[in-house]
Amino acid sequence: MFLDRAEIEVIAGKGGDGCVSTRREKFVPRGGPDGGNGGRGGSVWFEATDQMTTLQDFRYKRKYKAGNGAPGAGSRRTGADGQDVVVKVPCGTLVYETPGDKLLGDLVEPGQRLCVAAGGRGGKGNWEFRTARNQTPMKAQAGRPGESRRVRLDLKLLADIGLVGEPNAGKSTLLGTLTAAKPKVADYPFTTLVPNLGIIDLGDFHSCTLADIPGLIEGASGGKGLGHDFLRHIERTRALVLLVDVSAPDPEAVLEGLRRELTAYGNRLPELPFAVVLSKGDLVTDEDRASAVEALKPWCEAAGAVDVLAISSATGEGLPGLRKLLLRLYNTTDR
């Protein structure tokens, strides 16, 4: 199961207490203060990694606690700092504080880190409290508690090109044909309920990440059919492929509907470079397939599409041309 949202609790470590101590030396009956400071409490960090693609791990562990700082000791020795906790999250994870939905950070690049709970400061030992009037203070400061908060993790997939289309348009079949991904494929709408990712070799020493976005229906931009859960994964893509069943009664109307939902959801999506691909070409004759492509060319030119072509994932027809088209599309993106 793909998991793209999780809520967890993070607790930083408490700072160590300061120490009350006096020097004990031979022939020095009243040694001065030498109590050391407590160590800093451990912090909780999130770190982005490209070795994860879901938030699945957070189904089983929902609390992360860093270590406490050690107390100070005599001879002005500072206590050891508490152990930090580094939590790995997929690239593309947004971190929100709950309640309130305050955005704490957006982890995009591998290795990027975010401190979500800072460890408490260690307390001062009595060495720090000496004054001209009180040269042997017998007090120390307690360590400060670490930060504690609940956070929500939202994952927005990072993909170079997103496959967008109505339910049952053939997106998952195409992804499985072009890449090593194994998405669920069946002959009914909404087979894909979660996004799938695959890496495609485009030739010329180029490869890119392809995302199969679950089917969009009319009203998706308003949340219909889990539209918001689907559309938010398109926000980070750099280009789109609008996939339309070649046997649809009115492919142009389908394209208009897809563009309308993309425009309604966000200002950035309609500006992305895109291409139009007619799928399931094996279901119609060669003449009908060629006619469908020609009929859509005026619309594609007016809408600014890079190109339009017809393919068949079942027979492999048109796939070499599609790879070339994806390479052209990839080269138009701002990487």
C-alpha atoms as a PDB file:
ATOM      1  CA  MET A   1       0.000   0.000   0.000  1.00  0.00           C
ATOM      2  CA  PHE A   2       1.258   3.481  -0.864  1.00  0.00           C
ATOM      3  CA  LEU A   3       1.082   5.863   2.097  1.00  0.00           C
ATOM      4  CA  ASP A   4       1.442   9.589   1.422  1.00  0.00           C
ATOM      5  CA  ARG A   5       0.309  11.088   4.748  1.00  0.00           C
ATOM      6  CA  ALA A   6       1.221  10.330   8.347  1.00  0.00           C
ATOM      7  CA  GLU A   7       1.070  11.937  11.784  1.00  0.00           C
ATOM      8  CA  ILE A   8       3.785  11.287  14.337  1.00  0.00           C
ATOM      9  CA  GLU A   9       5.038  12.650  17.651  1.00  0.00           C
ATOM     10  CA  VAL A  10       8.605  13.907  18.087  1.00  0.00           C
ATOM     11  CA  ILE A  11      10.204  14.523  21.495  1.00  0.00           C
ATOM     12  CA  ALA A  12      13.625  16.069  21.938  1.00  0.00           C
ATOM     13  CA  GLY A  13      15.848  15.160  24.879  1.00  0.00           C
ATOM     14  CA  LYS A  14      16.046  17.070  28.152  1.00  0.00           C
ATOM     15  CA  GLY A  15      19.242  18.934  28.949  1.00  0.00           C
ATOM     16  CA  GLY A  16      21.405  17.527  31.725  1.00  0.00           C
ATOM     17  CA  ASP A  17      21.351  19.167  35.147  1.00  0.00           C
ATOM     18  CA  GLY A  18      24.237  21.297  36.303  1.00  0.00           C
ATOM     19  CA  CYS A  19      26.439  19.942  39.079  1.00  0.00           C
ATOM     20  CA  VAL A  20      27.061  21.311  42.577  1.00  0.00           C
ATOM     21  CA  SER A  21      30.604  20.424  43.550  1.00  0.00           C
ATOM     22  CA  THR A  22      33.600  21.924  45.381  1.00  0.00           C
ATOM     23  CA  ARG A  23      37.283  21.203  44.961  1.00  0.00           C
ATOM     24  CA  ARG A  24      38.697  18.663  47.351  1.00  0.00           C
ATOM     25  CA  GLU A  25      42.447  18.979  47.537  1.00  0.00           C
ATOM     26  CA  LYS A  26      44.990  18.225  50.204  1.00  0.00           C
ATOM     27  CA  PHE A  27      45.655  21.205  52.450  1.00  0.00           C
ATOM     28  CA  VAL A  28      42.750  23.121  50.838  1.00  0.00           C
ATOM     29  CA  PRO A  29      39.962  22.889  53.449  1.00  0.00           C
ATOM     30  CA  ARG A  30      37.561  25.095  51.494  1.00  0.00           C
ATOM     31  CA  GLY A  31      38.065  24.544  47.781  1.00  0.00           C
ATOM     32  CA  GLY A  32      36.159  26.708  45.347  1.00  0.00           C
ATOM     33  CA  PRO A  33      33.218  25.615  43.166  1.00  0.00           C
ATOM     34  CA  ASP A  34      33.964  23.280  40.261  1.00  0.00           C
ATOM     35  CA  GLY A  35      30.574  21.885  39.243  1.00  0.00           C
ATOM     36  CA  GLY A  36      30.284  21.433  35.480  1.00  0.00           C
ATOM     37  CA  ASN A  37      27.381  22.143  33.129  1.00  0.00           C
ATOM     38  CA  GLY A  38      24.892  19.575  31.938  1.00  0.00           C
ATOM     39  CA  GLY A  39      24.989  18.275  28.382  1.00  0.00           C
ATOM     40  CA  ARG A  40      22.587  19.365  25.650  1.00  0.00           C
ATOM     41  CA  GLY A  41      19.569  17.181  25.009  1.00  0.00           C
ATOM     42  CA  GLY A  42      19.398  15.333  21.701  1.00  0.00           C
ATOM     43  CA  SER A  43      17.373  16.791  18.812  1.00  0.00           C
ATOM     44  CA  VAL A  44      15.033  15.111  16.335  1.00  0.00           C
ATOM     45  CA  TRP A  45      15.900  15.672  12.676  1.00  0.00           C
ATOM     46  CA  PHE A  46      14.171  14.720   9.437  1.00  0.00           C
ATOM     47  CA  GLU A  47      16.442  13.873   6.521  1.00  0.00           C
ATOM     48  CA  ALA A  48      15.312  13.432   2.917  1.00  0.00           C
ATOM     49  CA  THR A  49      16.417  10.294   1.103  1.00  0.00           C
ATOM     50  CA  ASP A  50      15.832   8.996  -2.407  1.00  0.00           C
ATOM     51  CA  GLN A  51      15.821   5.433  -1.062  1.00  0.00           C
ATOM     52  CA  MET A  52      12.198   5.779   0.110  1.00  0.00           C
ATOM     53  CA  THR A  53       9.092   6.439  -1.979  1.00  0.00           C
ATOM     54  CA  THR A  54       6.302   6.222   0.631  1.00  0.00           C
ATOM     55  CA  LEU A  55       5.600   7.055   4.270  1.00  0.00           C
ATOM     56  CA  GLN A  56       4.788   3.406   4.932  1.00  0.00           C
ATOM     57  CA  ASP A  57       7.258   3.059   7.822  1.00  0.00           C
ATOM     58  CA  PHE A  58       5.318   5.584   9.886  1.00  0.00           C
ATOM     59  CA  ARG A  59       2.315   3.263  10.070  1.00  0.00           C
ATOM     60  CA  TYR A  60       4.208   1.179  12.600  1.00  0.00           C
ATOM     61  CA  LYS A  61       6.229   3.716  14.548  1.00  0.00           C
ATOM     62  CA  ARG A  62       4.586   6.991  15.484  1.00  0.00           C
ATOM     63  CA  LYS A  63       6.809   8.329  18.276  1.00  0.00           C
ATOM     64  CA  TYR A  64      10.456   9.382  18.019  1.00  0.00           C
ATOM     65  CA  LYS A  65      12.381  10.450  21.130  1.00  0.00           C
ATOM     66  CA  ALA A  66      15.943  11.740  21.326  1.00  0.00           C
ATOM     67  CA  GLY A  67      18.309  11.048  24.227  1.00  0.00           C
ATOM     68  CA  ASN A  68      18.664  13.195  27.347  1.00  0.00           C
ATOM     69  CA  GLY A  69      21.835  15.104  28.137  1.00  0.00           C
ATOM     70  CA  ALA A  70      24.035  13.788  30.930  1.00  0.00           C
ATOM     71  CA  PRO A  71      24.422  15.835  34.136  1.00  0.00           C
ATOM     72  CA  GLY A  72      27.571  17.816  34.767  1.00  0.00           C
ATOM     73  CA  ALA A  73      30.302  16.562  37.099  1.00  0.00           C
ATOM     74  CA  GLY A  74      33.050  17.863  39.340  1.00  0.00           C
ATOM     75  CA  SER A  75      36.275  19.355  38.037  1.00  0.00           C
ATOM     76  CA  ARG A  76      34.112  21.492  35.721  1.00  0.00           C
ATOM     77  CA  ARG A  77      33.319  18.523  33.513  1.00  0.00           C
ATOM     78  CA  THR A  78      30.421  19.070  31.107  1.00  0.00           C
ATOM     79  CA  GLY A  79      27.976  16.225  30.714  1.00  0.00           C
ATOM     80  CA  ALA A  80      27.716  14.358  27.425  1.00  0.00           C
ATOM     81  CA  ASP A  81      25.164  15.576  24.891  1.00  0.00           C
ATOM     82  CA  GLY A  82      22.102  13.457  24.299  1.00  0.00           C
ATOM     83  CA  GLN A  83      21.906  11.261  21.197  1.00  0.00           C
ATOM     84  CA  ASP A  84      20.215  12.925  18.201  1.00  0.00           C
ATOM     85  CA  VAL A  85      17.556  10.994  16.290  1.00  0.00           C
ATOM     86  CA  VAL A  86      17.608  11.249  12.479  1.00  0.00           C
ATOM     87  CA  VAL A  87      14.370  10.143  10.830  1.00  0.00           C
ATOM     88  CA  LYS A  88      14.558   9.318   7.115  1.00  0.00           C
ATOM     89  CA  VAL A  89      11.707  10.582   4.921  1.00  0.00           C
ATOM     90  CA  PRO A  90      11.176  10.418   1.144  1.00  0.00           C
ATOM     91  CA  CYS A  91      12.222  13.343  -1.015  1.00  0.00           C
ATOM     92  CA  GLY A  92       9.177  15.536  -1.556  1.00  0.00           C
ATOM     93  CA  THR A  93       7.960  15.406   2.061  1.00  0.00           C
ATOM     94  CA  LEU A  94       6.332  18.488   3.565  1.00  0.00           C
ATOM     95  CA  VAL A  95       6.368  18.765   7.362  1.00  0.00           C
ATOM     96  CA  TYR A  96       3.502  20.523   9.156  1.00  0.00           C
ATOM     97  CA  GLU A  97       3.022  21.182  12.858  1.00  0.00           C
ATOM     98  CA  THR A  98      -0.370  20.061  14.150  1.00  0.00           C
ATOM     99  CA  PRO A  99      -2.734  21.423  15.136  1.00  0.00           C
ATOM    100  CA  GLY A 100      -2.535  24.608  13.117  1.00  0.00           C
ATOM    101  CA  ASP A 101      -0.965  23.253   9.918  1.00  0.00           C
ATOM    102  CA  LYS A 102       2.106  25.487  10.212  1.00  0.00           C
ATOM    103  CA  LEU A 103       4.626  24.502   7.526  1.00  0.00           C
ATOM    104  CA  LEU A 104       7.942  23.673   9.175  1.00  0.00           C
ATOM    105  CA  GLY A 105       9.847  22.624   6.081  1.00  0.00           C
ATOM    106  CA  ASP A 106       9.858  21.097   2.612  1.00  0.00           C
ATOM    107  CA  LEU A 107      12.425  18.344   2.108  1.00  0.00           C
ATOM    108  CA  VAL A 108      13.190  18.004  -1.588  1.00  0.00           C
ATOM    109  CA  GLU A 109      16.877  17.181  -2.129  1.00  0.00           C
ATOM    110  CA  PRO A 110      18.551  13.979  -0.856  1.00  0.00           C
ATOM    111  CA  GLY A 111      20.477  14.737   2.325  1.00  0.00           C
ATOM    112  CA  GLN A 112      18.456  17.862   3.107  1.00  0.00           C
ATOM    113  CA  ARG A 113      17.789  18.082   6.853  1.00  0.00           C
ATOM    114  CA  LEU A 114      15.216  19.771   9.081  1.00  0.00           C
ATOM    115  CA  CYS A 115      15.344  20.028  12.891  1.00  0.00           C
ATOM    116  CA  VAL A 116      11.766  19.436  14.027  1.00  0.00           C
ATOM    117  CA  ALA A 117      12.424  19.274  17.789  1.00  0.00           C
ATOM    118  CA  ALA A 118      15.464  20.965  19.358  1.00  0.00           C
ATOM    119  CA  GLY A 119      17.092  19.433  22.399  1.00  0.00           C
ATOM    120  CA  GLY A 120      16.957  21.224  25.741  1.00  0.00           C
ATOM    121  CA  ARG A 121      19.888  23.309  26.932  1.00  0.00           C
ATOM    122  CA  GLY A 122      22.029  21.850  29.696  1.00  0.00           C
ATOM    123  CA  GLY A 123      21.866  23.463  33.129  1.00  0.00           C
ATOM    124  CA  LYS A 124      24.757  25.493  34.532  1.00  0.00           C
ATOM    125  CA  GLY A 125      26.944  24.066  37.281  1.00  0.00           C
ATOM    126  CA  ASN A 126      27.790  26.028  40.413  1.00  0.00           C
ATOM    127  CA  TRP A 127      31.123  27.086  38.845  1.00  0.00           C
ATOM    128  CA  GLU A 128      29.074  29.453  36.634  1.00  0.00           C
ATOM    129  CA  PHE A 129      27.407  31.146  39.608  1.00  0.00           C
ATOM    130  CA  ARG A 130      30.492  32.307  41.495  1.00  0.00           C
ATOM    131  CA  THR A 131      30.706  36.045  42.212  1.00  0.00           C
ATOM    132  CA  ALA A 132      32.943  38.353  44.212  1.00  0.00           C
ATOM    133  CA  ARG A 133      30.442  38.227  47.082  1.00  0.00           C
ATOM    134  CA  ASN A 134      29.622  34.549  46.850  1.00  0.00           C
ATOM    135  CA  GLN A 135      32.763  32.676  45.964  1.00  0.00           C
ATOM    136  CA  THR A 136      31.385  29.252  46.875  1.00  0.00           C
ATOM    137  CA  PRO A 137      27.836  29.108  45.500  1.00  0.00           C
ATOM    138  CA  MET A 138      26.030  25.883  46.304  1.00  0.00           C
ATOM    139  CA  LYS A 139      23.394  26.054  43.613  1.00  0.00           C
ATOM    140  CA  ALA A 140      23.116  24.737  40.065  1.00  0.00           C
ATOM    141  CA  GLN A 141      20.623  25.034  37.248  1.00  0.00           C
ATOM    142  CA  ALA A 142      18.363  22.234  36.070  1.00  0.00           C
ATOM    143  CA  GLY A 143      18.460  21.231  32.426  1.00  0.00           C
ATOM    144  CA  ARG A 144      15.787  22.625  30.133  1.00  0.00           C
ATOM    145  CA  PRO A 145      13.204  20.290  28.613  1.00  0.00           C
ATOM    146  CA  GLY A 146      13.438  19.565  24.906  1.00  0.00           C
ATOM    147  CA  GLU A 147      10.821  20.552  22.371  1.00  0.00           C
ATOM    148  CA  SER A 148       7.885  18.241  21.841  1.00  0.00           C
ATOM    149  CA  ARG A 149       5.346  18.450  19.037  1.00  0.00           C
ATOM    150  CA  ARG A 150       3.051  16.509  16.789  1.00  0.00           C
ATOM    151  CA  VAL A 151       3.795  16.791  13.090  1.00  0.00           C
ATOM    152  CA  ARG A 152       2.032  15.742   9.920  1.00  0.00           C
ATOM    153  CA  LEU A 153       4.003  14.474   6.971  1.00  0.00           C
ATOM    154  CA  ASP A 154       2.586  15.010   3.485  1.00  0.00           C
ATOM    155  CA  LEU A 155       4.309  13.419   0.524  1.00  0.00           C
ATOM    156  CA  LYS A 156       4.154  14.995  -2.913  1.00  0.00           C
ATOM    157  CA  LEU A 157       5.886  12.795  -5.422  1.00  0.00           C
ATOM    158  CA  LEU A 158       8.910  14.128  -7.256  1.00  0.00           C
ATOM    159  CA  ALA A 159       8.702  13.067 -10.889  1.00  0.00           C
ATOM    160  CA  ASP A 160       9.997  14.487 -14.146  1.00  0.00           C
ATOM    161  CA  ILE A 161       6.915  13.605 -16.190  1.00  0.00           C
ATOM    162  CA  GLY A 162       3.411  12.795 -14.981  1.00  0.00           C
ATOM    163  CA  LEU A 163       0.876  10.655 -16.860  1.00  0.00           C
ATOM    164  CA  VAL A 164      -2.538  12.284 -16.560  1.00  0.00           C
ATOM    165  CA  GLY A 165      -5.834  11.028 -17.899  1.00  0.00           C
ATOM    166  CA  GLU A 166      -9.310   9.831 -17.108  1.00  0.00           C
ATOM    167  CA  PRO A 167      -9.819   6.575 -15.208  1.00  0.00           C
ATOM    168  CA  ASN A 168      -9.026   3.496 -17.297  1.00  0.00           C
ATOM    169  CA  ALA A 169      -7.164   5.493 -19.975  1.00  0.00           C
ATOM    170  CA  GLY A 170      -4.240   3.064 -19.901  1.00  0.00           C
ATOM    171  CA  LYS A 171      -1.770   5.002 -17.738  1.00  0.00           C
ATOM    172  CA  SER A 172      -0.753   2.078 -15.523  1.00  0.00           C
ATOM    173  CA  THR A 173      -0.360  -0.256 -18.503  1.00  0.00           C
ATOM    174  CA  LEU A 174       1.854   2.294 -20.239  1.00  0.00           C
ATOM    175  CA  LEU A 175       3.976   2.817 -17.123  1.00  0.00           C
ATOM    176  CA  GLY A 176       4.451  -0.917 -16.714  1.00  0.00           C
ATOM    177  CA  THR A 177       5.398  -1.254 -20.393  1.00  0.00           C
ATOM    178  CA  LEU A 178       7.947   1.572 -20.395  1.00  0.00           C
ATOM    179  CA  THR A 179       9.525   0.948 -16.985  1.00  0.00           C
ATOM    180  CA  ALA A 180      10.195  -1.791 -14.467  1.00  0.00           C
ATOM    181  CA  ALA A 181       7.282  -0.613 -12.315  1.00  0.00           C
ATOM    182  CA  LYS A 182       4.512  -3.133 -11.663  1.00  0.00           C
ATOM    183  CA  PRO A 183       1.337  -1.124 -11.063  1.00  0.00           C
ATOM    184  CA  LYS A 184      -2.007  -2.842 -10.645  1.00  0.00           C
ATOM    185  CA  VAL A 185      -3.766  -3.169 -14.006  1.00  0.00           C
ATOM    186  CA  ALA A 186      -7.413  -4.186 -14.506  1.00  0.00           C
ATOM    187  CA  ASP A 187     -10.282  -3.488 -16.869  1.00  0.00           C
ATOM    188  CA  TYR A 188     -12.281  -1.156 -14.633  1.00  0.00           C
ATOM    189  CA  PRO A 189     -12.063   2.528 -13.650  1.00  0.00           C
ATOM    190  CA  PHE A 190     -10.012   3.677 -10.650  1.00  0.00           C
ATOM    191  CA  THR A 191      -7.805   0.592 -10.650  1.00  0.00           C
ATOM    192  CA  THR A 192      -5.001   2.944  -9.591  1.00  0.00           C
ATOM    193  CA  LEU A 193      -5.813   4.505  -6.231  1.00  0.00           C
ATOM    194  CA  VAL A 194      -2.273   5.623  -5.428  1.00  0.00           C
ATOM    195  CA  PRO A 195       0.496   7.059  -7.641  1.00  0.00           C
ATOM    196  CA  ASN A 196       3.114   4.756  -9.122  1.00  0.00           C
ATOM    197  CA  LEU A 197       6.669   5.667 -10.096  1.00  0.00           C
ATOM    198  CA  GLY A 198       9.025   4.201 -12.658  1.00  0.00           C
ATOM    199  CA  ILE A 199      12.321   5.153 -14.296  1.00  0.00           C
ATOM    200  CA  ILE A 200      12.434   5.140 -18.083  1.00  0.00           C
ATOM    201  CA  ASP A 201      15.536   5.038 -20.265  1.00  0.00           C
ATOM    202  CA  LEU A 202      15.096   7.717 -22.933  1.00  0.00           C
ATOM    203  CA  GLY A 203      18.306   6.948 -24.802  1.00  0.00           C
ATOM    204  CA  ASP A 204      21.213   9.337 -25.446  1.00  0.00           C
ATOM    205  CA  PHE A 205      22.320   8.696 -21.843  1.00  0.00           C
ATOM    206  CA  HIS A 206      19.122  10.219 -20.484  1.00  0.00           C
ATOM    207  CA  SER A 207      16.595   8.760 -18.077  1.00  0.00           C
ATOM    208  CA  CYS A 208      13.704  10.296 -16.205  1.00  0.00           C
ATOM    209  CA  THR A 209      11.130   9.464 -13.565  1.00  0.00           C
ATOM    210  CA  LEU A 210       7.634   8.763 -14.827  1.00  0.00           C
ATOM    211  CA  ALA A 211       4.600   8.996 -12.517  1.00  0.00           C
ATOM    212  CA  ASP A 212       1.244   7.350 -13.111  1.00  0.00           C
ATOM    213  CA  ILE A 213      -1.275   9.698 -11.485  1.00  0.00           C
ATOM    214  CA  PRO A 214      -4.646   8.120 -10.551  1.00  0.00           C
ATOM    215  CA  GLY A 215      -7.484   9.004 -12.922  1.00  0.00           C
ATOM    216  CA  LEU A 216      -8.981  12.468 -12.964  1.00  0.00           C
ATOM    217  CA  ILE A 217     -12.705  13.018 -13.297  1.00  0.00           C
ATOM    218  CA  GLU A 218     -14.778  16.142 -13.687  1.00  0.00           C
ATOM    219  CA  GLY A 219     -14.772  18.017 -10.386  1.00  0.00           C
ATOM    220  CA  ALA A 220     -11.420  16.569  -9.266  1.00  0.00           C
ATOM    221  CA  SER A 221     -10.077  20.063  -8.584  1.00  0.00           C
ATOM    222  CA  GLY A 222     -12.894  20.474  -6.050  1.00  0.00           C
ATOM    223  CA  GLY A 223     -12.045  17.201  -4.336  1.00  0.00           C
ATOM    224  CA  LYS A 224     -14.446  14.916  -6.188  1.00  0.00           C
ATOM    225  CA  GLY A 225     -13.215  11.354  -6.524  1.00  0.00           C
ATOM    226  CA  LEU A 226     -10.304  12.014  -4.127  1.00  0.00           C
ATOM    227  CA  GLY A 227      -9.189  14.622  -6.630  1.00  0.00           C
ATOM    228  CA  HIS A 228      -7.071  16.642  -4.206  1.00  0.00           C
ATOM    229  CA  ASP A 229      -5.177  13.517  -3.116  1.00  0.00           C
ATOM    230  CA  PHE A 230      -4.412  12.803  -6.781  1.00  0.00           C
ATOM    231  CA  LEU A 231      -3.738  16.298  -8.061  1.00  0.00           C
ATOM    232  CA  ARG A 232      -1.258  17.285  -5.369  1.00  0.00           C
ATOM    233  CA  HIS A 233       1.160  14.684  -6.710  1.00  0.00           C
ATOM    234  CA  ILE A 234       1.203  16.476 -10.080  1.00  0.00           C
ATOM    235  CA  GLU A 235       2.330  19.748  -8.496  1.00  0.00           C
ATOM    236  CA  ARG A 236       5.998  18.752  -8.431  1.00  0.00           C
ATOM    237  CA  THR A 237       6.174  17.227 -11.915  1.00  0.00           C
ATOM    238  CA  ARG A 238       8.119  19.148 -14.560  1.00  0.00           C
ATOM    239  CA  ALA A 239       6.036  18.063 -17.557  1.00  0.00           C
ATOM    240  CA  LEU A 240       2.805  16.206 -18.318  1.00  0.00           C
ATOM    241  CA  VAL A 241       1.529  13.635 -20.766  1.00  0.00           C
ATOM    242  CA  LEU A 242      -2.225  13.853 -21.295  1.00  0.00           C
ATOM    243  CA  LEU A 243      -3.361  10.321 -22.081  1.00  0.00           C
ATOM    244  CA  VAL A 244      -6.663   9.829 -23.922  1.00  0.00           C
ATOM    245  CA  ASP A 245      -8.328   6.616 -25.070  1.00  0.00           C
ATOM    246  CA  VAL A 246      -8.261   6.751 -28.880  1.00  0.00           C
ATOM    247  CA  SER A 247     -11.704   5.130 -28.986  1.00  0.00           C
ATOM    248  CA  ALA A 248     -13.295   7.846 -26.837  1.00  0.00           C
ATOM    249  CA  PRO A 249     -16.325   9.444 -28.563  1.00  0.00           C
ATOM    250  CA  ASP A 250     -14.818  12.936 -28.294  1.00  0.00           C
ATOM    251  CA  PRO A 251     -11.073  12.996 -27.411  1.00  0.00           C
ATOM    252  CA  GLU A 252     -10.966  16.791 -27.691  1.00  0.00           C
ATOM    253  CA  ALA A 253     -13.682  17.104 -25.040  1.00  0.00           C
ATOM    254  CA  VAL A 254     -11.683  14.775 -22.781  1.00  0.00           C
ATOM    255  CA  LEU A 255      -8.584  16.939 -23.214  1.00  0.00           C
ATOM    256  CA  GLU A 256     -10.580  20.083 -22.498  1.00  0.00           C
ATOM    257  CA  GLY A 257     -11.866  18.471 -19.304  1.00  0.00           C
ATOM    258  CA  LEU A 258      -8.381  17.495 -18.154  1.00  0.00           C
ATOM    259  CA  ARG A 259      -6.983  20.959 -18.838  1.00  0.00           C
ATOM    260  CA  ARG A 260      -9.945  22.516 -17.048  1.00  0.00           C
ATOM    261  CA  GLU A 261      -9.322  20.487 -13.880  1.00  0.00           C
ATOM    262  CA  LEU A 262      -5.586  21.228 -13.968  1.00  0.00           C
ATOM    263  CA  THR A 263      -6.283  24.952 -14.359  1.00  0.00           C
ATOM    264  CA  ALA A 264      -8.830  24.965 -11.547  1.00  0.00           C
ATOM    265  CA  TYR A 265      -6.471  23.196  -9.150  1.00  0.00           C
ATOM    266  CA  GLY A 266      -3.397  25.414  -9.471  1.00  0.00           C
ATOM    267  CA  ASN A 267      -1.882  28.188 -11.531  1.00  0.00           C
ATOM    268  CA  ARG A 268       1.365  26.309 -12.179  1.00  0.00           C
ATOM    269  CA  LEU A 269      -0.107  23.160 -13.722  1.00  0.00           C
ATOM    270  CA  PRO A 270      -1.488  24.704 -16.942  1.00  0.00           C
ATOM    271  CA  GLU A 271       1.928  26.262 -17.615  1.00  0.00           C
ATOM    272  CA  LEU A 272       3.810  22.950 -17.601  1.00  0.00           C
ATOM    273  CA  PRO A 273       5.018  21.649 -20.980  1.00  0.00           C
ATOM    274  CA  PHE A 274       2.839  18.763 -22.113  1.00  0.00           C
ATOM    275  CA  ALA A 275       2.227  16.297 -24.907  1.00  0.00           C
ATOM    276  CA  VAL A 276      -0.908  14.429 -25.966  1.00  0.00           C
ATOM    277  CA  VAL A 277      -0.879  10.653 -26.400  1.00  0.00           C
ATOM    278  CA  LEU A 278      -3.762   8.582 -27.731  1.00  0.00           C
ATOM    279  CA  SER A 279      -3.697   5.192 -26.023  1.00  0.00           C
ATOM    280  CA  LYS A 280      -5.141   1.773 -26.869  1.00  0.00           C
ATOM    281  CA  GLY A 281      -4.395   2.186 -30.565  1.00  0.00           C
ATOM    282  CA  ASP A 282      -4.827  -1.556 -31.096  1.00  0.00           C
ATOM    283  CA  LEU A 283      -8.577  -1.194 -30.549  1.00  0.00           C
ATOM    284  CA  VAL A 284      -9.128   0.806 -33.738  1.00  0.00           C
ATOM    285  CA  THR A 285      -8.038   0.529 -37.360  1.00  0.00           C
ATOM    286  CA  ASP A 286      -4.926   2.194 -38.724  1.00  0.00           C
ATOM    287  CA  GLU A 287      -7.068   4.691 -40.613  1.00  0.00           C
ATOM    288  CA  ASP A 288      -9.132   5.618 -37.544  1.00  0.00           C
ATOM    289  CA  ARG A 289      -5.977   6.008 -35.495  1.00  0.00           C
ATOM    290  CA  ALA A 290      -4.369   8.308 -38.053  1.00  0.00           C
ATOM    291  CA  SER A 291      -7.598  10.296 -38.393  1.00  0.00           C
ATOM    292  CA  ALA A 292      -7.799  10.776 -34.607  1.00  0.00           C
ATOM    293  CA  VAL A 293      -4.248  12.148 -34.523  1.00  0.00           C
ATOM    294  CA  GLU A 294      -4.917  14.543 -37.404  1.00  0.00           C
ATOM    295  CA  ALA A 295      -8.177  15.711 -35.838  1.00  0.00           C
ATOM    296  CA  LEU A 296      -6.399  16.657 -32.599  1.00  0.00           C
ATOM    297  CA  LYS A 297      -3.482  18.539 -34.158  1.00  0.00           C
ATOM    298  CA  PRO A 298      -5.312  21.908 -34.365  1.00  0.00           C
ATOM    299  CA  TRP A 299      -6.311  21.660 -30.705  1.00  0.00           C
ATOM    300  CA  CYS A 300      -2.772  20.699 -29.676  1.00  0.00           C
ATOM    301  CA  GLU A 301      -1.239  23.606 -31.604  1.00  0.00           C
ATOM    302  CA  ALA A 302      -3.678  26.033 -30.040  1.00  0.00           C
ATOM    303  CA  ALA A 303      -3.103  24.662 -26.521  1.00  0.00           C
ATOM    304  CA  GLY A 304       0.687  24.608 -26.902  1.00  0.00           C
ATOM    305  CA  ALA A 305       1.242  20.846 -26.790  1.00  0.00           C
ATOM    306  CA  VAL A 306       4.709  19.652 -27.774  1.00  0.00           C
ATOM    307  CA  ASP A 307       3.211  16.984 -30.047  1.00  0.00           C
ATOM    308  CA  VAL A 308       0.474  14.371 -30.411  1.00  0.00           C
ATOM    309  CA  LEU A 309       0.796  10.703 -31.326  1.00  0.00           C
ATOM    310  CA  ALA A 310      -1.019   7.381 -30.981  1.00  0.00           C
ATOM    311  CA  ILE A 311       0.364   4.272 -29.289  1.00  0.00           C
ATOM    312  CA  SER A 312      -0.570   0.784 -28.180  1.00  0.00           C
ATOM    313  CA  SER A 313       0.909  -0.530 -24.934  1.00  0.00           C
ATOM    314  CA  ALA A 314      -0.391  -3.995 -25.811  1.00  0.00           C
ATOM    315  CA  THR A 315       1.367  -4.323 -29.191  1.00  0.00           C
ATOM    316  CA  GLY A 316       4.211  -1.837 -28.648  1.00  0.00           C
ATOM    317  CA  GLU A 317       3.186   0.192 -31.671  1.00  0.00           C
ATOM    318  CA  GLY A 318       4.261   3.834 -31.394  1.00  0.00           C
ATOM    319  CA  LEU A 319       6.384   3.295 -28.261  1.00  0.00           C
ATOM    320  CA  PRO A 320       9.737   4.140 -29.921  1.00  0.00           C
ATOM    321  CA  GLY A 321       8.202   7.413 -31.092  1.00  0.00           C
ATOM    322  CA  LEU A 322       6.842   7.976 -27.598  1.00  0.00           C
ATOM    323  CA  ARG A 323      10.318   7.601 -26.091  1.00  0.00           C
ATOM    324  CA  LYS A 324      11.601  10.258 -28.483  1.00  0.00           C
ATOM    325  CA  LEU A 325       8.650  12.475 -27.577  1.00  0.00           C
ATOM    326  CA  LEU A 326       9.329  12.021 -23.862  1.00  0.00           C
ATOM    327  CA  LEU A 327      12.963  12.972 -24.454  1.00  0.00           C
ATOM    328  CA  ARG A 328      11.865  16.158 -26.232  1.00  0.00           C
ATOM    329  CA  LEU A 329       9.458  16.872 -23.398  1.00  0.00           C
ATOM    330  CA  TYR A 330      12.151  16.183 -20.801  1.00  0.00           C
ATOM    331  CA  ASN A 331      14.558  18.545 -22.558  1.00  0.00           C
ATOM    332  CA  THR A 332      12.018  21.379 -22.372  1.00  0.00           C
ATOM    333  CA  THR A 333      11.818  21.161 -18.579  1.00  0.00           C
ATOM    334  CA  ASP A 334      13.672  23.401 -16.184  1.00  0.00           C
ATOM    335  CA  ARG A 335      15.809  20.957 -14.192  1.00  0.00           C
END
